[in-house]
Amino acid sequence: MPAERVPMRQVREVLRLSAAGIGRREIGRRLGIAPSTVRATLARAAAAGICWSDAAELTETVLEAALFKNVGKKQGHRRIPEPDWPWVHRELKRKHVTLAILWDEYTDANPDGYRYSRFCELYRAWEGRLTVSMRQSHLGGDKLFVDYAGDTVPVIIDRLTGEIRSAQIFVAVMGASSFTYAEATWTQGLADWIGGHTRALEAIGGCPKLFVPDNAKTAVIKACLYDPQVNRSYTEMAAHYGVAVLPARPRKPKDKAKVEAAVLIVERWLLGRLRNHRFYSLADVNRAIRELLHHLNEVRPFRRMGVTRRQLLEELDRPFLNPLPVEPYVFAEWRAHRLGVDYHVDIDGHFYSAPYRFAREQLDVRLTGRLVEIFFKGERIAAHPRTSSNGKHSTLAEHMPSSHRRYADWTIERIRRESGSIGPSTAMLCDLILEQRPHPEQGFRACLGIVRLTRPFGSDRVEAAATRALEIGARTYGSVKSILDNNLDRQATHRRAADGQTILHPNIRGARYYN
């Protein structure tokens, strides 16, 4: 059994005490090391030709190099083939590749090669000579790391045709306790991204200080090392929970190493176990994920710590988490729209009004599942219930100019009612105008104009003018107004039936035919 390797400060003490004539057992007792280690240390010093006077003048680095330069080199033994460590390092970056897999491949090619423990030890030593990285320490309740797994889950959405759609896996992990949340969503879009956050916070039972996402478009509009621009809806959701957003640096996955490790665990722990399952809905996938997450967080302890993620969550994170708000966040999407000249904005095929004075202005529109809110420079100027995309309009009267409101108050039903109140001839004339146009709306303004002639001329004269217009076959607003302007309504030249009613028939030519 080889002797234990001691620190250089103890090597100096061994040489000093030995030079003072103290025995090996006493040296070991004083320094708290085995006599065999004292003997081996003195033997190395003698083989290197180093005595106490030399050791006192050498630095620890030079002394260690002199005493242990031949450690690991077996003289007279077989030469063990050295693995290609750069290749091993590159292969480990590939998906689902581990040191155990690479060691199996190495021993297949070199049956007399290193054993697994030595293989791992040598690789870690080789890796340690690469660029070092800072080990991150996470405070309790401080950060929630979020990301999407690279792999997806196939879901059969049509049992008859066998059509398959892939489900994305959202992953969130607490920095201190490594408590992990995962769920399946159809997309990585903004609605699913924010929904994953809200449900993760409910599973955790509190709010951390920071969200740490990567630089995906759903989280960050413009990635920047110093001042990233976070998506407005994402910022609004974080503010609702009192959380700040701190995106990882672009192309720096080590900034979110915690969630990268959690994604790897999810892919192996969840997806590996679900690979032979067949799912027919997203709910089926999430039900299976919840069962496996329960075992991961509540049952399976960390190997070297003997506690579960749930226990660490309660011990490390829970005291520092902020409480959840009373109401959960309702997803809202922000869009930029320019208000049209008709003071309406088109939202998914439906038109919503805003005050006419903002026509042609750039507006911000906030969309929820039930509400459409329109903002101008941060001030809400309109709100409508959200309606399906049917090509119709949602218009509030207060958004219209006064002239449009007066016009909008008139409908076909009201015109028929108003014309009937003037007299039967006026009502009949308006009905004929509406019926003879391809679309009733095309005769809308003509009838409206005829009704409004009562203001300057009075109802009796308009009724007489409508009677004369019916007799001569006139069906326009201009003809009725001309009759009134020329006082033709006062001329008693009407053909009447025995009961006094005007005779209407296509074979009766009327007075106009003879003019």
Protein backbone atom coordinates (compact mmCIF):
# COMPACT_ATOMS: atom_id res chain seq x y z
CA MET A 1 0.00 0.00 0.00
CA PRO A 2 1.66 3.30 -1.02
CA ALA A 3 2.31 5.88 1.68
CA GLU A 4 0.05 8.90 1.98
CA ARG A 5 1.16 12.03 0.17
CA VAL A 6 1.56 14.93 2.63
CA PRO A 7 1.52 18.71 2.08
CA MET A 8 4.81 20.48 1.45
CA ARG A 9 4.70 22.29 4.80
CA GLN A 10 4.70 18.90 6.54
CA VAL A 11 7.51 17.69 4.29
CA ARG A 12 9.59 20.61 5.56
CA GLU A 13 8.73 19.70 9.16
CA VAL A 14 9.68 16.04 8.57
CA LEU A 15 13.08 17.07 7.20
CA ARG A 16 13.61 19.61 10.00
CA LEU A 17 12.75 17.19 12.82
CA SER A 18 14.77 14.40 11.21
CA ALA A 19 17.80 16.70 10.96
CA ALA A 20 17.34 17.43 14.69
CA GLY A 21 17.72 13.70 15.46
CA ILE A 22 14.10 12.88 16.28
CA GLY A 23 12.92 9.37 15.41
CA ARG A 24 10.39 8.52 12.78
CA ARG A 25 7.67 7.40 15.18
CA GLU A 26 8.01 10.58 17.23
CA ILE A 27 7.91 12.70 14.07
CA GLY A 28 4.73 10.93 13.01
CA ARG A 29 3.18 11.44 16.44
CA ARG A 30 3.99 15.17 16.46
CA LEU A 31 2.72 15.78 12.94
CA GLY A 32 -0.25 13.40 13.10
CA ILE A 33 0.89 11.22 10.20
CA ALA A 34 1.75 7.53 9.89
CA PRO A 35 5.39 6.41 10.45
CA SER A 36 5.30 4.79 7.02
CA THR A 37 4.54 8.19 5.51
CA VAL A 38 7.48 9.71 7.38
CA ARG A 39 9.71 6.92 6.10
CA ALA A 40 8.50 7.37 2.50
CA THR A 41 8.96 11.15 2.67
CA LEU A 42 12.54 10.80 3.90
CA ALA A 43 13.23 8.21 1.22
CA ARG A 44 11.96 10.58 -1.50
CA ALA A 45 14.14 13.37 -0.13
CA ALA A 46 17.18 11.12 -0.05
CA ALA A 47 16.53 9.92 -3.61
CA ALA A 48 16.23 13.54 -4.78
CA GLY A 49 19.36 14.55 -2.82
CA ILE A 50 17.49 17.11 -0.74
CA CYS A 51 18.29 17.76 2.90
CA TRP A 52 16.76 20.17 5.42
CA SER A 53 19.07 23.06 4.48
CA ASP A 54 18.09 22.71 0.82
CA ALA A 55 14.36 22.38 1.56
CA ALA A 56 14.38 25.54 3.68
CA GLU A 57 15.47 27.60 0.67
CA LEU A 58 13.18 26.03 -1.98
CA THR A 59 9.64 27.15 -2.74
CA GLU A 60 6.84 24.64 -2.25
CA THR A 61 6.35 24.33 -6.02
CA VAL A 62 10.03 23.52 -6.69
CA LEU A 63 10.19 21.18 -3.70
CA GLU A 64 7.08 19.28 -4.82
CA ALA A 65 8.41 18.98 -8.37
CA ALA A 66 11.71 17.57 -7.08
CA LEU A 67 10.14 15.02 -4.72
CA PHE A 68 7.20 13.81 -6.81
CA LYS A 69 8.32 14.20 -10.43
CA ASN A 70 8.24 10.43 -11.00
CA VAL A 71 4.90 9.79 -9.29
CA GLY A 72 2.54 7.82 -11.56
CA LYS A 73 5.33 6.47 -13.73
CA LYS A 74 5.66 2.73 -13.25
CA GLN A 75 9.12 1.50 -14.13
CA GLY A 76 9.39 -1.91 -15.69
CA HIS A 77 5.62 -2.31 -16.19
CA ARG A 78 3.54 -2.52 -19.34
CA ARG A 79 2.77 0.72 -21.14
CA ILE A 80 -0.95 1.60 -20.86
CA PRO A 81 -2.37 3.24 -24.00
CA GLU A 82 -3.32 6.84 -23.30
CA PRO A 83 -6.85 7.93 -24.33
CA ASP A 84 -7.30 10.80 -26.75
CA TRP A 85 -8.45 13.32 -24.15
CA PRO A 86 -9.37 16.14 -26.60
CA TRP A 87 -11.63 13.66 -28.43
CA VAL A 88 -13.16 12.55 -25.12
CA HIS A 89 -13.81 16.18 -24.21
CA ARG A 90 -15.50 16.91 -27.55
CA GLU A 91 -17.64 13.77 -27.37
CA LEU A 92 -18.88 14.67 -23.91
CA LYS A 93 -20.49 17.79 -25.37
CA ARG A 94 -22.74 15.64 -27.55
CA LYS A 95 -26.23 14.82 -26.37
CA HIS A 96 -26.59 11.91 -23.91
CA VAL A 97 -22.86 10.98 -24.00
CA THR A 98 -21.26 10.17 -20.62
CA LEU A 99 -17.79 9.16 -19.40
CA ALA A 100 -19.08 5.65 -18.80
CA ILE A 101 -20.03 5.31 -22.47
CA LEU A 102 -16.66 6.64 -23.64
CA TRP A 103 -14.80 4.36 -21.21
CA ASP A 104 -16.67 1.35 -22.60
CA GLU A 105 -15.59 2.35 -26.11
CA TYR A 106 -12.03 2.89 -24.90
CA THR A 107 -11.79 -0.54 -23.22
CA ASP A 108 -13.31 -2.21 -26.29
CA ALA A 109 -10.37 -0.90 -28.32
CA ASN A 110 -7.83 -1.28 -25.46
CA PRO A 111 -8.69 -4.25 -23.20
CA ASP A 112 -5.57 -3.58 -21.08
CA GLY A 113 -6.40 0.10 -20.64
CA TYR A 114 -7.18 2.10 -17.53
CA ARG A 115 -9.91 1.04 -15.17
CA TYR A 116 -12.97 3.30 -15.01
CA SER A 117 -12.01 5.17 -11.83
CA ARG A 118 -8.51 5.92 -13.14
CA PHE A 119 -9.95 6.89 -16.53
CA CYS A 120 -12.23 9.46 -14.86
CA GLU A 121 -9.43 10.71 -12.60
CA LEU A 122 -7.07 11.28 -15.51
CA TYR A 123 -9.76 13.02 -17.57
CA ARG A 124 -10.64 15.38 -14.69
CA ALA A 125 -6.95 16.19 -14.29
CA TRP A 126 -6.66 16.88 -18.03
CA GLU A 127 -9.87 18.96 -17.97
CA GLY A 128 -8.55 20.97 -15.05
CA ARG A 129 -5.81 22.35 -17.27
CA LEU A 130 -8.42 23.92 -19.57
CA THR A 131 -10.01 27.34 -19.04
CA VAL A 132 -11.33 27.42 -15.52
CA SER A 133 -14.92 28.40 -14.73
CA MET A 134 -16.32 30.01 -11.61
CA ARG A 135 -18.35 27.77 -9.37
CA GLN A 136 -21.65 29.51 -8.72
CA SER A 137 -23.12 29.67 -5.24
CA HIS A 138 -26.88 30.20 -5.13
CA LEU A 139 -28.60 31.90 -2.22
CA GLY A 140 -31.88 30.55 -0.90
CA GLY A 141 -34.94 31.94 -2.67
CA ASP A 142 -32.78 34.00 -5.01
CA LYS A 143 -33.00 32.65 -8.57
CA LEU A 144 -35.34 30.55 -10.66
CA PHE A 145 -33.62 29.28 -13.82
CA VAL A 146 -35.95 28.62 -16.79
CA ASP A 147 -35.47 27.04 -20.20
CA TYR A 148 -36.92 24.57 -22.70
CA ALA A 149 -35.53 21.07 -23.15
CA GLY A 150 -33.98 20.34 -26.50
CA ASP A 151 -35.93 17.11 -26.97
CA THR A 152 -39.69 16.88 -27.47
CA VAL A 153 -42.43 14.34 -26.70
CA PRO A 154 -44.44 12.85 -29.60
CA VAL A 155 -48.20 13.09 -29.02
CA ILE A 156 -50.79 11.36 -31.20
CA ILE A 157 -53.52 13.93 -31.74
CA ASP A 158 -55.71 11.87 -34.07
CA ARG A 159 -56.36 8.23 -33.21
CA LEU A 160 -57.82 7.50 -36.65
CA THR A 161 -55.07 8.95 -38.85
CA GLY A 162 -52.20 8.55 -36.39
CA GLU A 163 -51.18 12.19 -36.86
CA ILE A 164 -48.36 13.07 -34.44
CA ARG A 165 -47.50 16.46 -32.98
CA SER A 166 -44.45 17.24 -30.85
CA ALA A 167 -44.86 18.69 -27.36
CA GLN A 168 -42.20 21.02 -25.93
CA ILE A 169 -40.89 20.56 -22.38
CA PHE A 170 -40.65 23.67 -20.18
CA VAL A 171 -38.15 23.34 -17.29
CA ALA A 172 -37.67 25.53 -14.20
CA VAL A 173 -35.27 24.88 -11.30
CA MET A 174 -34.52 26.73 -8.06
CA GLY A 175 -30.88 27.69 -7.67
CA ALA A 176 -30.27 26.68 -4.04
CA SER A 177 -32.41 23.56 -3.64
CA SER A 178 -32.47 22.32 -7.26
CA PHE A 179 -36.24 21.79 -6.87
CA THR A 180 -37.33 21.04 -10.44
CA TYR A 181 -40.58 21.76 -12.28
CA ALA A 182 -41.41 20.62 -15.80
CA GLU A 183 -44.48 20.58 -18.02
CA ALA A 184 -45.36 19.91 -21.63
CA THR A 185 -46.67 22.69 -23.90
CA TRP A 186 -47.57 22.72 -27.56
CA THR A 187 -45.25 25.59 -28.45
CA GLN A 188 -42.44 27.72 -27.10
CA GLY A 189 -44.51 30.83 -27.80
CA LEU A 190 -45.06 33.70 -25.41
CA ALA A 191 -48.37 32.43 -24.00
CA ASP A 192 -46.95 28.97 -23.19
CA TRP A 193 -43.70 30.50 -21.90
CA ILE A 194 -45.47 32.78 -19.42
CA GLY A 195 -47.99 30.10 -18.50
CA GLY A 196 -45.10 27.78 -17.61
CA HIS A 197 -43.70 30.44 -15.25
CA THR A 198 -46.99 30.99 -13.44
CA ARG A 199 -47.56 27.26 -12.91
CA ALA A 200 -43.95 26.75 -11.81
CA LEU A 201 -44.38 29.44 -9.14
CA GLU A 202 -47.56 27.76 -7.94
CA ALA A 203 -45.71 24.44 -7.66
CA ILE A 204 -42.88 26.11 -5.72
CA GLY A 205 -45.33 28.00 -3.53
CA GLY A 206 -43.58 31.37 -3.63
CA CYS A 207 -41.73 33.94 -5.70
CA PRO A 208 -37.93 34.17 -6.04
CA LYS A 209 -36.00 37.40 -6.51
CA LEU A 210 -34.89 36.74 -10.11
CA PHE A 211 -35.88 34.86 -13.25
CA VAL A 212 -32.82 33.72 -15.24
CA PRO A 213 -33.83 32.79 -18.82
CA ASP A 214 -31.66 32.44 -21.88
CA ASN A 215 -31.90 34.89 -24.78
CA ALA A 216 -34.84 33.30 -26.61
CA LYS A 217 -37.13 35.75 -28.45
CA THR A 218 -40.00 34.97 -26.09
CA ALA A 219 -37.92 36.40 -23.23
CA VAL A 220 -35.50 38.91 -24.77
CA ILE A 221 -36.29 41.22 -27.69
CA LYS A 222 -32.68 42.28 -28.17
CA ALA A 223 -29.82 40.32 -26.63
CA CYS A 224 -27.01 42.46 -25.22
CA LEU A 225 -24.18 41.71 -22.80
CA TYR A 226 -24.76 44.91 -20.84
CA ASP A 227 -28.38 46.01 -21.35
CA PRO A 228 -30.69 43.32 -22.80
CA GLN A 229 -34.21 44.38 -23.80
CA VAL A 230 -36.75 42.07 -22.16
CA ASN A 231 -40.10 41.32 -23.79
CA ARG A 232 -42.80 43.68 -22.49
CA SER A 233 -45.32 40.96 -21.64
CA TYR A 234 -42.62 38.97 -19.86
CA THR A 235 -41.61 42.05 -17.86
CA GLU A 236 -45.24 42.72 -16.95
CA MET A 237 -45.69 39.16 -15.70
CA ALA A 238 -42.48 39.36 -13.63
CA ALA A 239 -43.60 42.68 -12.12
CA HIS A 240 -46.94 41.11 -11.15
CA TYR A 241 -45.03 38.59 -9.01
CA GLY A 242 -42.43 41.10 -7.80
CA VAL A 243 -39.61 39.34 -9.67
CA ALA A 244 -36.83 40.87 -11.77
CA VAL A 245 -35.59 39.33 -15.03
CA LEU A 246 -31.85 38.75 -15.45
CA PRO A 247 -31.14 37.05 -18.80
CA ALA A 248 -27.99 35.01 -19.13
CA ARG A 249 -25.21 36.50 -21.21
CA PRO A 250 -25.43 35.68 -24.93
CA ARG A 251 -23.57 32.46 -25.80
CA LYS A 252 -22.66 31.87 -22.14
CA PRO A 253 -24.52 28.69 -21.11
CA LYS A 254 -22.49 28.48 -17.88
CA ASP A 255 -24.47 31.48 -16.62
CA LYS A 256 -27.45 29.14 -16.36
CA ALA A 257 -25.61 25.90 -15.69
CA LYS A 258 -28.19 25.01 -13.05
CA VAL A 259 -31.04 24.79 -15.55
CA GLU A 260 -28.82 23.14 -18.15
CA ALA A 261 -28.18 20.39 -15.61
CA ALA A 262 -31.90 20.26 -14.80
CA VAL A 263 -32.73 19.95 -18.51
CA LEU A 264 -30.31 17.02 -18.72
CA ILE A 265 -31.96 15.41 -15.70
CA VAL A 266 -35.41 15.93 -17.20
CA GLU A 267 -34.34 14.45 -20.52
CA ARG A 268 -32.87 11.37 -18.82
CA TRP A 269 -35.24 11.03 -15.87
CA LEU A 270 -38.48 11.89 -17.66
CA LEU A 271 -38.07 11.43 -21.40
CA GLY A 272 -35.95 8.32 -21.03
CA ARG A 273 -38.66 6.68 -18.94
CA LEU A 274 -41.47 7.88 -21.20
CA ARG A 275 -39.86 6.82 -24.47
CA ASN A 276 -42.07 3.73 -24.85
CA HIS A 277 -45.31 5.43 -23.77
CA ARG A 278 -47.97 6.54 -26.24
CA PHE A 279 -49.81 9.77 -25.48
CA TYR A 280 -53.06 10.98 -27.03
CA SER A 281 -53.29 14.42 -25.44
CA LEU A 282 -51.17 17.04 -23.74
CA ALA A 283 -52.96 16.29 -20.47
CA ASP A 284 -51.74 12.68 -20.65
CA VAL A 285 -48.15 13.86 -21.03
CA ASN A 286 -48.37 16.28 -18.11
CA ARG A 287 -49.99 13.64 -15.93
CA ALA A 288 -47.07 11.30 -16.53
CA ILE A 289 -44.56 14.12 -15.98
CA ARG A 290 -46.16 15.04 -12.63
CA GLU A 291 -45.83 11.46 -11.39
CA LEU A 292 -42.14 11.28 -12.29
CA LEU A 293 -41.45 14.75 -10.88
CA HIS A 294 -43.04 13.71 -7.59
CA HIS A 295 -40.54 10.87 -7.34
CA LEU A 296 -37.64 13.12 -8.39
CA ASN A 297 -38.44 15.93 -5.94
CA GLU A 298 -40.15 14.15 -3.05
CA VAL A 299 -38.71 10.62 -2.92
CA ARG A 300 -35.29 10.38 -4.54
CA PRO A 301 -32.57 11.89 -2.30
CA PHE A 302 -29.31 13.41 -3.45
CA ARG A 303 -26.68 10.71 -3.31
CA ARG A 304 -24.12 12.57 -1.21
CA MET A 305 -26.52 14.63 0.89
CA GLY A 306 -29.22 12.16 1.91
CA VAL A 307 -32.06 14.71 1.51
CA THR A 308 -34.61 15.29 -1.24
CA ARG A 309 -35.13 18.38 -3.36
CA ARG A 310 -38.39 19.07 -1.53
CA GLN A 311 -36.60 19.02 1.83
CA LEU A 312 -33.95 21.40 0.52
CA LEU A 313 -36.68 23.66 -0.89
CA GLU A 314 -38.33 23.89 2.52
CA GLU A 315 -35.01 24.35 4.30
CA LEU A 316 -33.07 26.65 1.96
CA ASP A 317 -35.55 28.46 -0.29
CA ARG A 318 -38.84 28.68 1.60
CA PRO A 319 -37.69 31.19 4.25
CA PHE A 320 -36.56 33.64 1.56
CA LEU A 321 -39.36 33.29 -1.02
CA ASN A 322 -41.87 36.12 -1.38
CA PRO A 323 -45.55 35.11 -1.12
CA LEU A 324 -47.61 34.60 -4.24
CA PRO A 325 -50.03 37.44 -5.13
CA VAL A 326 -53.71 36.96 -4.34
CA GLU A 327 -54.65 36.68 -8.02
CA PRO A 328 -52.55 34.76 -10.54
CA TYR A 329 -51.21 36.64 -13.53
CA VAL A 330 -53.52 36.76 -16.56
CA PHE A 331 -51.50 36.49 -19.75
CA ALA A 332 -51.55 39.64 -21.84
CA GLU A 333 -49.88 40.18 -25.18
CA TRP A 334 -48.71 43.61 -26.34
CA ARG A 335 -48.88 44.64 -29.98
CA ALA A 336 -48.14 47.86 -31.82
CA HIS A 337 -50.84 49.12 -34.22
CA ARG A 338 -51.54 52.32 -36.11
CA LEU A 339 -55.10 53.61 -35.78
CA GLY A 340 -56.77 53.78 -39.18
CA VAL A 341 -58.52 56.78 -40.67
CA ASP A 342 -61.80 55.14 -39.65
CA TYR A 343 -60.49 55.18 -36.03
CA HIS A 344 -60.46 51.36 -35.79
CA VAL A 345 -57.61 48.86 -35.30
CA ASP A 346 -57.64 45.40 -36.83
CA ILE A 347 -57.00 42.70 -34.19
CA ASP A 348 -57.06 39.19 -35.65
CA GLY A 349 -59.78 40.03 -38.17
CA HIS A 350 -62.04 42.10 -35.89
CA PHE A 351 -62.09 45.89 -35.75
CA TYR A 352 -62.06 47.81 -32.46
CA SER A 353 -62.65 51.56 -32.17
CA ALA A 354 -60.59 54.21 -30.40
CA PRO A 355 -61.30 57.95 -30.05
CA TYR A 356 -61.25 59.50 -33.53
CA ARG A 357 -58.76 62.21 -32.53
CA PHE A 358 -56.04 59.51 -32.41
CA ALA A 359 -56.55 58.53 -36.07
CA ARG A 360 -53.22 57.67 -37.78
CA GLU A 361 -51.41 57.59 -34.41
CA GLN A 362 -49.19 54.70 -33.31
CA LEU A 363 -50.89 52.86 -30.45
CA ASP A 364 -50.09 50.00 -28.07
CA VAL A 365 -52.70 47.25 -27.78
CA ARG A 366 -52.83 44.89 -24.79
CA LEU A 367 -54.65 41.62 -25.47
CA THR A 368 -55.97 39.13 -22.93
CA GLY A 369 -58.33 36.24 -23.46
CA ARG A 370 -61.34 38.45 -22.72
CA LEU A 371 -60.26 42.07 -23.12
CA VAL A 372 -58.71 44.40 -25.70
CA GLU A 373 -57.12 47.54 -24.23
CA ILE A 374 -55.75 50.36 -26.39
CA PHE A 375 -53.06 52.71 -25.06
CA PHE A 376 -51.55 55.95 -26.35
CA LYS A 377 -48.25 56.97 -24.74
CA GLY A 378 -49.01 54.84 -21.69
CA GLU A 379 -52.59 56.12 -21.21
CA ARG A 380 -55.50 53.77 -21.79
CA ILE A 381 -57.85 55.37 -24.29
CA ALA A 382 -60.20 52.46 -25.08
CA ALA A 383 -61.26 49.01 -23.87
CA HIS A 384 -63.46 46.40 -25.55
CA PRO A 385 -64.56 42.83 -24.82
CA ARG A 386 -62.49 40.58 -27.08
CA THR A 387 -64.53 39.14 -29.95
CA SER A 388 -63.91 36.34 -32.42
CA SER A 389 -62.37 37.09 -35.79
CA ASN A 390 -65.54 37.72 -37.80
CA GLY A 391 -64.66 40.82 -39.81
CA LYS A 392 -67.15 42.96 -37.89
CA HIS A 393 -66.72 46.15 -35.89
CA SER A 394 -66.91 46.98 -32.21
CA THR A 395 -67.58 50.73 -32.13
CA LEU A 396 -68.33 52.92 -29.13
CA ALA A 397 -70.40 56.05 -29.79
CA GLU A 398 -68.08 58.25 -27.72
CA HIS A 399 -65.21 57.37 -30.06
CA MET A 400 -66.99 58.86 -33.08
CA PRO A 401 -67.03 62.50 -34.21
CA SER A 402 -70.38 64.23 -33.65
CA SER A 403 -71.29 64.14 -37.35
CA HIS A 404 -70.68 60.39 -37.47
CA ARG A 405 -72.69 59.84 -34.31
CA ARG A 406 -75.69 61.61 -35.82
CA TYR A 407 -75.38 59.47 -38.90
CA ALA A 408 -74.83 56.29 -36.93
CA ASP A 409 -78.01 56.86 -34.93
CA TRP A 410 -80.04 56.32 -38.10
CA THR A 411 -80.80 52.75 -39.09
CA ILE A 412 -83.01 51.28 -41.80
CA GLU A 413 -85.62 50.42 -39.20
CA ARG A 414 -85.60 53.98 -37.87
CA ILE A 415 -85.90 55.43 -41.40
CA ARG A 416 -88.95 53.28 -42.06
CA ARG A 417 -90.43 54.36 -38.76
CA GLU A 418 -89.75 58.06 -39.38
CA SER A 419 -90.99 57.96 -42.98
CA GLY A 420 -94.16 56.21 -41.85
CA SER A 421 -94.79 59.00 -39.35
CA ILE A 422 -94.67 61.56 -42.20
CA GLY A 423 -97.25 59.80 -44.32
CA PRO A 424 -98.03 56.68 -46.36
CA SER A 425 -96.61 58.08 -49.60
CA THR A 426 -93.30 58.95 -47.97
CA ALA A 427 -93.14 55.49 -46.38
CA MET A 428 -93.93 53.83 -49.71
CA LEU A 429 -91.35 55.94 -51.56
CA CYS A 430 -88.63 55.05 -49.05
CA ASP A 431 -89.54 51.35 -49.24
CA LEU A 432 -89.29 51.45 -53.04
CA ILE A 433 -85.89 53.18 -52.86
CA LEU A 434 -84.56 50.55 -50.45
CA GLU A 435 -86.00 47.64 -52.42
CA GLN A 436 -84.84 48.76 -55.86
CA ARG A 437 -81.17 49.04 -54.85
CA PRO A 438 -78.99 45.89 -54.97
CA HIS A 439 -78.24 46.49 -51.30
CA PRO A 440 -80.58 48.39 -48.97
CA GLU A 441 -77.61 50.33 -47.58
CA GLN A 442 -77.16 51.94 -51.01
CA GLY A 443 -80.54 53.69 -50.62
CA PHE A 444 -79.88 54.56 -47.00
CA ARG A 445 -78.68 58.12 -47.54
CA ALA A 446 -81.40 58.96 -50.10
CA CYS A 447 -84.13 57.97 -47.63
CA LEU A 448 -82.35 59.80 -44.83
CA GLY A 449 -82.27 62.95 -46.97
CA ILE A 450 -85.97 62.70 -47.79
CA VAL A 451 -86.90 62.36 -44.13
CA ARG A 452 -84.75 65.35 -43.20
CA LEU A 453 -86.57 67.55 -45.78
CA THR A 454 -89.29 67.92 -43.15
CA ARG A 455 -87.08 70.43 -41.34
CA PRO A 456 -87.24 73.20 -43.98
CA PHE A 457 -90.49 72.22 -45.72
CA GLY A 458 -92.68 70.52 -43.13
CA SER A 459 -94.24 67.07 -43.11
CA ASP A 460 -97.31 67.94 -45.21
CA ARG A 461 -95.31 69.29 -48.14
CA VAL A 462 -92.86 66.32 -48.01
CA GLU A 463 -95.79 63.91 -48.05
CA ALA A 464 -97.31 65.78 -51.05
CA ALA A 465 -93.93 65.77 -52.82
CA ALA A 466 -93.57 62.02 -52.17
CA THR A 467 -97.03 61.47 -53.66
CA ARG A 468 -96.12 63.40 -56.81
CA ALA A 469 -92.77 61.53 -57.02
CA LEU A 470 -94.60 58.22 -56.92
CA GLU A 471 -96.93 59.39 -59.72
CA ILE A 472 -94.11 60.42 -62.04
CA GLY A 473 -91.86 57.44 -61.16
CA ALA A 474 -89.18 59.48 -59.41
CA ARG A 475 -87.11 57.40 -56.94
CA THR A 476 -84.36 59.80 -55.85
CA TYR A 477 -83.76 62.38 -53.18
CA GLY A 478 -82.95 64.97 -55.84
CA SER A 479 -86.35 64.56 -57.52
CA VAL A 480 -88.25 65.04 -54.25
CA LYS A 481 -86.21 68.12 -53.37
CA SER A 482 -86.75 69.56 -56.88
CA ILE A 483 -90.52 69.11 -56.51
CA LEU A 484 -90.41 71.01 -53.24
CA ASP A 485 -88.10 73.75 -54.55
CA ASN A 486 -90.40 74.35 -57.53
CA ASN A 487 -93.61 74.12 -55.51
CA LEU A 488 -94.85 71.29 -57.73
CA ASP A 489 -96.21 69.60 -54.65
CA ARG A 490 -98.87 72.33 -54.46
CA GLN A 491 -100.30 71.53 -57.90
CA ALA A 492 -103.37 69.31 -57.68
CA THR A 493 -102.80 67.14 -60.76
CA HIS A 494 -102.90 63.76 -59.06
CA ARG A 495 -104.90 60.89 -60.44
CA ARG A 496 -106.77 59.28 -57.59
CA ALA A 497 -108.67 56.09 -57.31
CA ALA A 498 -112.26 56.15 -56.11
CA ASP A 499 -111.08 55.74 -52.53
CA GLY A 500 -108.63 58.63 -52.88
CA GLN A 501 -105.47 56.49 -52.80
CA THR A 502 -102.73 56.87 -55.41
CA ILE A 503 -102.86 54.13 -58.06
CA LEU A 504 -99.55 52.34 -58.42
CA HIS A 505 -99.17 49.95 -61.37
CA PRO A 506 -96.41 49.39 -63.94
CA ASN A 507 -98.90 49.81 -66.82
CA ILE A 508 -99.93 53.30 -65.67
CA ARG A 509 -97.55 55.72 -67.38
CA GLY A 510 -98.38 58.81 -65.35
CA ALA A 511 -98.11 62.50 -66.24
CA ARG A 512 -94.33 62.28 -66.77
CA TYR A 513 -94.88 60.22 -69.94
CA TYR A 514 -96.68 63.10 -71.69
CA ASN A 515 -94.28 65.88 -70.64
